[in-house]
Amino acid sequence: MAQPPALKPVYLVYGKNLFARRAAVASIVARELCGADPSVNLVRLDGKSVEAAVVLDDVRTYSLLGD
């Protein structure tokens, strides 16, 4: 069985169809977390109100237990 392509460091999901956007995000999250606890391994930010500095600080922070 072929391995799925490697995940990218950043995804932008957009479009008018809310269901399709949510399904795309859920698929990416499920694949990336591989069953890990999302409350520990996932950060969700509100794109309408979050400042760029907050996003950049978060993505630049190394995981305590990860590579």
PDB file of N, CA and C in Angstrom:
ATOM      1  N   MET A   1       0.846  -1.174   0.000  1.00  0.00           N
ATOM      2  CA  MET A   1       0.000   0.000   0.000  1.00  0.00           C
ATOM      3  C   MET A   1       0.895   1.242   0.000  1.00  0.00           C
ATOM      4  N   ALA A   2       0.584   2.201  -0.825  1.00  0.00           N
ATOM      5  CA  ALA A   2       1.384   3.419  -0.953  1.00  0.00           C
ATOM      6  C   ALA A   2       1.171   4.341   0.245  1.00  0.00           C
ATOM      7  N   GLN A   3       2.229   5.005   0.640  1.00  0.00           N
ATOM      8  CA  GLN A   3       2.153   5.979   1.731  1.00  0.00           C
ATOM      9  C   GLN A   3       1.516   7.262   1.204  1.00  0.00           C
ATOM     10  N   PRO A   4       0.662   7.907   2.023  1.00  0.00           N
ATOM     11  CA  PRO A   4       0.113   9.188   1.586  1.00  0.00           C
ATOM     12  C   PRO A   4       1.216  10.233   1.520  1.00  0.00           C
ATOM     13  N   PRO A   5       1.041  11.259   0.716  1.00  0.00           N
ATOM     14  CA  PRO A   5       2.079  12.284   0.617  1.00  0.00           C
ATOM     15  C   PRO A   5       2.305  12.962   1.972  1.00  0.00           C
ATOM     16  N   ALA A   6       3.517  13.451   2.166  1.00  0.00           N
ATOM     17  CA  ALA A   6       3.867  14.116   3.427  1.00  0.00           C
ATOM     18  C   ALA A   6       3.013  15.363   3.620  1.00  0.00           C
ATOM     19  N   LEU A   7       2.711  15.632   4.876  1.00  0.00           N
ATOM     20  CA  LEU A   7       1.948  16.831   5.199  1.00  0.00           C
ATOM     21  C   LEU A   7       2.820  18.067   5.066  1.00  0.00           C
ATOM     22  N   LYS A   8       2.204  19.168   4.761  1.00  0.00           N
ATOM     23  CA  LYS A   8       2.893  20.445   4.635  1.00  0.00           C
ATOM     24  C   LYS A   8       2.872  21.152   5.994  1.00  0.00           C
ATOM     25  N   PRO A   9       3.769  22.095   6.229  1.00  0.00           N
ATOM     26  CA  PRO A   9       3.796  22.782   7.520  1.00  0.00           C
ATOM     27  C   PRO A   9       2.627  23.738   7.728  1.00  0.00           C
ATOM     28  N   VAL A  10       2.029  24.233   6.649  1.00  0.00           N
ATOM     29  CA  VAL A  10       0.920  25.179   6.759  1.00  0.00           C
ATOM     30  C   VAL A  10      -0.095  24.873   5.661  1.00  0.00           C
ATOM     31  N   TYR A  11      -1.371  24.958   6.025  1.00  0.00           N
ATOM     32  CA  TYR A  11      -2.447  24.807   5.055  1.00  0.00           C
ATOM     33  C   TYR A  11      -3.360  26.017   5.144  1.00  0.00           C
ATOM     34  N   LEU A  12      -3.910  26.426   4.030  1.00  0.00           N
ATOM     35  CA  LEU A  12      -4.934  27.456   3.986  1.00  0.00           C
ATOM     36  C   LEU A  12      -6.174  26.809   3.396  1.00  0.00           C
ATOM     37  N   VAL A  13      -7.229  26.759   4.188  1.00  0.00           N
ATOM     38  CA  VAL A  13      -8.490  26.172   3.734  1.00  0.00           C
ATOM     39  C   VAL A  13      -9.486  27.316   3.598  1.00  0.00           C
ATOM     40  N   TYR A  14     -10.045  27.484   2.429  1.00  0.00           N
ATOM     41  CA  TYR A  14     -10.970  28.581   2.203  1.00  0.00           C
ATOM     42  C   TYR A  14     -12.056  28.155   1.239  1.00  0.00           C
ATOM     43  N   GLY A  15     -13.090  28.947   1.138  1.00  0.00           N
ATOM     44  CA  GLY A  15     -14.190  28.687   0.224  1.00  0.00           C
ATOM     45  C   GLY A  15     -15.511  29.053   0.867  1.00  0.00           C
ATOM     46  N   LYS A  16     -16.554  29.070   0.081  1.00  0.00           N
ATOM     47  CA  LYS A  16     -17.871  29.461   0.568  1.00  0.00           C
ATOM     48  C   LYS A  16     -18.590  28.336   1.297  1.00  0.00           C
ATOM     49  N   ASN A  17     -18.249  27.099   1.000  1.00  0.00           N
ATOM     50  CA  ASN A  17     -18.954  25.955   1.563  1.00  0.00           C
ATOM     51  C   ASN A  17     -18.371  25.596   2.940  1.00  0.00           C
ATOM     52  N   LEU A  18     -19.085  25.957   4.008  1.00  0.00           N
ATOM     53  CA  LEU A  18     -18.621  25.716   5.368  1.00  0.00           C
ATOM     54  C   LEU A  18     -18.413  24.229   5.636  1.00  0.00           C
ATOM     55  N   PHE A  19     -19.318  23.377   5.180  1.00  0.00           N
ATOM     56  CA  PHE A  19     -19.196  21.941   5.382  1.00  0.00           C
ATOM     57  C   PHE A  19     -17.914  21.408   4.750  1.00  0.00           C
ATOM     58  N   ALA A  20     -17.633  21.821   3.540  1.00  0.00           N
ATOM     59  CA  ALA A  20     -16.431  21.356   2.843  1.00  0.00           C
ATOM     60  C   ALA A  20     -15.167  21.840   3.549  1.00  0.00           C
ATOM     61  N   ARG A  21     -15.177  23.079   4.030  1.00  0.00           N
ATOM     62  CA  ARG A  21     -14.011  23.601   4.761  1.00  0.00           C
ATOM     63  C   ARG A  21     -13.783  22.813   6.039  1.00  0.00           C
ATOM     64  N   ARG A  22     -14.854  22.578   6.790  1.00  0.00           N
ATOM     65  CA  ARG A  22     -14.720  21.822   8.039  1.00  0.00           C
ATOM     66  C   ARG A  22     -14.249  20.391   7.782  1.00  0.00           C
ATOM     67  N   ALA A  23     -14.754  19.777   6.728  1.00  0.00           N
ATOM     68  CA  ALA A  23     -14.349  18.415   6.388  1.00  0.00           C
ATOM     69  C   ALA A  23     -12.869  18.377   6.003  1.00  0.00           C
ATOM     70  N   ALA A  24     -12.419  19.368   5.259  1.00  0.00           N
ATOM     71  CA  ALA A  24     -11.007  19.421   4.866  1.00  0.00           C
ATOM     72  C   ALA A  24     -10.108  19.585   6.087  1.00  0.00           C
ATOM     73  N   VAL A  25     -10.486  20.471   6.992  1.00  0.00           N
ATOM     74  CA  VAL A  25      -9.693  20.682   8.205  1.00  0.00           C
ATOM     75  C   VAL A  25      -9.693  19.422   9.061  1.00  0.00           C
ATOM     76  N   ALA A  26     -10.840  18.787   9.228  1.00  0.00           N
ATOM     77  CA  ALA A  26     -10.925  17.559  10.027  1.00  0.00           C
ATOM     78  C   ALA A  26     -10.042  16.465   9.444  1.00  0.00           C
ATOM     79  N   SER A  27      -9.995  16.364   8.129  1.00  0.00           N
ATOM     80  CA  SER A  27      -9.164  15.359   7.471  1.00  0.00           C
ATOM     81  C   SER A  27      -7.677  15.621   7.715  1.00  0.00           C
ATOM     82  N   ILE A  28      -7.273  16.861   7.592  1.00  0.00           N
ATOM     83  CA  ILE A  28      -5.869  17.220   7.819  1.00  0.00           C
ATOM     84  C   ILE A  28      -5.494  16.963   9.274  1.00  0.00           C
ATOM     85  N   VAL A  29      -6.338  17.375  10.198  1.00  0.00           N
ATOM     86  CA  VAL A  29      -6.067  17.210  11.626  1.00  0.00           C
ATOM     87  C   VAL A  29      -5.978  15.729  11.990  1.00  0.00           C
ATOM     88  N   ALA A  30      -6.932  14.931  11.533  1.00  0.00           N
ATOM     89  CA  ALA A  30      -6.930  13.504  11.848  1.00  0.00           C
ATOM     90  C   ALA A  30      -5.670  12.828  11.315  1.00  0.00           C
ATOM     91  N   ARG A  31      -5.277  13.183  10.134  1.00  0.00           N
ATOM     92  CA  ARG A  31      -4.095  12.576   9.532  1.00  0.00           C
ATOM     93  C   ARG A  31      -2.820  13.003  10.258  1.00  0.00           C
ATOM     94  N   GLU A  32      -2.753  14.261  10.655  1.00  0.00           N
ATOM     95  CA  GLU A  32      -1.551  14.763  11.318  1.00  0.00           C
ATOM     96  C   GLU A  32      -1.428  14.222  12.746  1.00  0.00           C
ATOM     97  N   LEU A  33      -2.529  14.166  13.478  1.00  0.00           N
ATOM     98  CA  LEU A  33      -2.466  13.756  14.877  1.00  0.00           C
ATOM     99  C   LEU A  33      -2.294  12.249  15.060  1.00  0.00           C
ATOM    100  N   CYS A  34      -2.693  11.459  14.085  1.00  0.00           N
ATOM    101  CA  CYS A  34      -2.531  10.005  14.160  1.00  0.00           C
ATOM    102  C   CYS A  34      -3.036   9.438  15.490  1.00  0.00           C
ATOM    103  N   GLY A  35      -4.178   9.903  15.954  1.00  0.00           N
ATOM    104  CA  GLY A  35      -4.768   9.395  17.182  1.00  0.00           C
ATOM    105  C   GLY A  35      -4.299  10.090  18.456  1.00  0.00           C
ATOM    106  N   ALA A  36      -3.376  11.034  18.357  1.00  0.00           N
ATOM    107  CA  ALA A  36      -2.894  11.747  19.542  1.00  0.00           C
ATOM    108  C   ALA A  36      -3.993  12.667  20.079  1.00  0.00           C
ATOM    109  N   ASP A  37      -3.852  13.052  21.327  1.00  0.00           N
ATOM    110  CA  ASP A  37      -4.835  13.893  21.992  1.00  0.00           C
ATOM    111  C   ASP A  37      -4.806  15.315  21.418  1.00  0.00           C
ATOM    112  N   PRO A  38      -5.888  15.773  20.788  1.00  0.00           N
ATOM    113  CA  PRO A  38      -5.879  17.115  20.204  1.00  0.00           C
ATOM    114  C   PRO A  38      -5.758  18.230  21.242  1.00  0.00           C
ATOM    115  N   SER A  39      -6.178  17.984  22.487  1.00  0.00           N
ATOM    116  CA  SER A  39      -6.076  19.041  23.494  1.00  0.00           C
ATOM    117  C   SER A  39      -4.621  19.340  23.850  1.00  0.00           C
ATOM    118  N   VAL A  40      -3.723  18.422  23.528  1.00  0.00           N
ATOM    119  CA  VAL A  40      -2.298  18.623  23.799  1.00  0.00           C
ATOM    120  C   VAL A  40      -1.551  19.004  22.524  1.00  0.00           C
ATOM    121  N   ASN A  41      -2.006  18.490  21.398  1.00  0.00           N
ATOM    122  CA  ASN A  41      -1.232  18.581  20.164  1.00  0.00           C
ATOM    123  C   ASN A  41      -1.823  19.481  19.086  1.00  0.00           C
ATOM    124  N   LEU A  42      -2.823  20.268  19.428  1.00  0.00           N
ATOM    125  CA  LEU A  42      -3.492  21.076  18.409  1.00  0.00           C
ATOM    126  C   LEU A  42      -3.788  22.453  18.968  1.00  0.00           C
ATOM    127  N   VAL A  43      -3.501  23.465  18.184  1.00  0.00           N
ATOM    128  CA  VAL A  43      -3.827  24.845  18.553  1.00  0.00           C
ATOM    129  C   VAL A  43      -4.791  25.376  17.502  1.00  0.00           C
ATOM    130  N   ARG A  44      -5.912  25.894  17.962  1.00  0.00           N
ATOM    131  CA  ARG A  44      -6.883  26.507  17.052  1.00  0.00           C
ATOM    132  C   ARG A  44      -6.938  27.995  17.337  1.00  0.00           C
ATOM    133  N   LEU A  45      -6.875  28.785  16.288  1.00  0.00           N
ATOM    134  CA  LEU A  45      -6.906  30.233  16.415  1.00  0.00           C
ATOM    135  C   LEU A  45      -8.011  30.795  15.533  1.00  0.00           C
ATOM    136  N   ASP A  46      -8.625  31.863  15.972  1.00  0.00           N
ATOM    137  CA  ASP A  46      -9.674  32.520  15.198  1.00  0.00           C
ATOM    138  C   ASP A  46      -9.012  33.455  14.192  1.00  0.00           C
ATOM    139  N   GLY A  47      -9.098  33.103  12.947  1.00  0.00           N
ATOM    140  CA  GLY A  47      -8.446  33.873  11.896  1.00  0.00           C
ATOM    141  C   GLY A  47      -8.942  35.292  11.755  1.00  0.00           C
ATOM    142  N   LYS A  48     -10.143  35.567  12.236  1.00  0.00           N
ATOM    143  CA  LYS A  48     -10.683  36.922  12.123  1.00  0.00           C
ATOM    144  C   LYS A  48     -10.144  37.856  13.192  1.00  0.00           C
ATOM    145  N   SER A  49      -9.677  37.307  14.317  1.00  0.00           N
ATOM    146  CA  SER A  49      -9.281  38.192  15.408  1.00  0.00           C
ATOM    147  C   SER A  49      -7.837  38.000  15.883  1.00  0.00           C
ATOM    148  N   VAL A  50      -7.192  36.922  15.486  1.00  0.00           N
ATOM    149  CA  VAL A  50      -5.839  36.667  15.976  1.00  0.00           C
ATOM    150  C   VAL A  50      -4.834  37.585  15.266  1.00  0.00           C
ATOM    151  N   GLU A  51      -3.848  38.032  16.032  1.00  0.00           N
ATOM    152  CA  GLU A  51      -2.800  38.864  15.452  1.00  0.00           C
ATOM    153  C   GLU A  51      -1.711  37.975  14.852  1.00  0.00           C
ATOM    154  N   ALA A  52      -1.078  38.455  13.818  1.00  0.00           N
ATOM    155  CA  ALA A  52      -0.037  37.686  13.142  1.00  0.00           C
ATOM    156  C   ALA A  52       1.082  37.302  14.105  1.00  0.00           C
ATOM    157  N   ALA A  53       1.414  38.167  15.032  1.00  0.00           N
ATOM    158  CA  ALA A  53       2.492  37.880  15.982  1.00  0.00           C
ATOM    159  C   ALA A  53       2.172  36.657  16.833  1.00  0.00           C
ATOM    160  N   VAL A  54       0.904  36.478  17.188  1.00  0.00           N
ATOM    161  CA  VAL A  54       0.498  35.318  17.987  1.00  0.00           C
ATOM    162  C   VAL A  54       0.686  34.036  17.173  1.00  0.00           C
ATOM    163  N   VAL A  55       0.291  34.073  15.933  1.00  0.00           N
ATOM    164  CA  VAL A  55       0.449  32.903  15.059  1.00  0.00           C
ATOM    165  C   VAL A  55       1.936  32.578  14.880  1.00  0.00           C
ATOM    166  N   LEU A  56       2.732  33.580  14.590  1.00  0.00           N
ATOM    167  CA  LEU A  56       4.153  33.350  14.373  1.00  0.00           C
ATOM    168  C   LEU A  56       4.845  32.849  15.633  1.00  0.00           C
ATOM    169  N   ASP A  57       4.483  33.390  16.786  1.00  0.00           N
ATOM    170  CA  ASP A  57       5.051  32.889  18.039  1.00  0.00           C
ATOM    171  C   ASP A  57       4.721  31.415  18.236  1.00  0.00           C
ATOM    172  N   ASP A  58       3.489  31.053  17.912  1.00  0.00           N
ATOM    173  CA  ASP A  58       3.064  29.667  18.110  1.00  0.00           C
ATOM    174  C   ASP A  58       3.789  28.707  17.172  1.00  0.00           C
ATOM    175  N   VAL A  59       3.914  29.071  15.912  1.00  0.00           N
ATOM    176  CA  VAL A  59       4.552  28.156  14.960  1.00  0.00           C
ATOM    177  C   VAL A  59       6.062  28.095  15.148  1.00  0.00           C
ATOM    178  N   ARG A  60       6.639  29.084  15.796  1.00  0.00           N
ATOM    179  CA  ARG A  60       8.082  29.084  16.061  1.00  0.00           C
ATOM    180  C   ARG A  60       8.444  28.363  17.360  1.00  0.00           C
ATOM    181  N   THR A  61       7.453  28.019  18.153  1.00  0.00           N
ATOM    182  CA  THR A  61       7.694  27.363  19.428  1.00  0.00           C
ATOM    183  C   THR A  61       7.911  25.875  19.200  1.00  0.00           C
ATOM    184  N   TYR A  62       9.024  25.354  19.710  1.00  0.00           N
ATOM    185  CA  TYR A  62       9.327  23.936  19.564  1.00  0.00           C
ATOM    186  C   TYR A  62       8.473  23.121  20.538  1.00  0.00           C
ATOM    187  N   SER A  63       8.112  21.954  20.124  1.00  0.00           N
ATOM    188  CA  SER A  63       7.367  21.033  20.982  1.00  0.00           C
ATOM    189  C   SER A  63       8.276  20.553  22.113  1.00  0.00           C
ATOM    190  N   LEU A  64       7.715  20.450  23.285  1.00  0.00           N
ATOM    191  CA  LEU A  64       8.475  19.978  24.441  1.00  0.00           C
ATOM    192  C   LEU A  64       8.928  18.530  24.249  1.00  0.00           C
ATOM    193  N   LEU A  65       8.067  17.710  23.644  1.00  0.00           N
ATOM    194  CA  LEU A  65       8.364  16.283  23.496  1.00  0.00           C
ATOM    195  C   LEU A  65       8.628  15.861  22.050  1.00  0.00           C
ATOM    196  N   GLY A  66       8.502  16.795  21.119  1.00  0.00           N
ATOM    197  CA  GLY A  66       8.644  16.435  19.712  1.00  0.00           C
ATOM    198  C   GLY A  66       9.998  16.750  19.154  1.00  0.00           C
ATOM    199  N   ASP A  67      10.142  16.468  17.874  1.00  0.00           N
ATOM    200  CA  ASP A  67      11.398  16.771  17.165  1.00  0.00           C
ATOM    201  C   ASP A  67      11.483  18.242  16.830  1.00  0.00           C
TER     202      ASP A  67
END
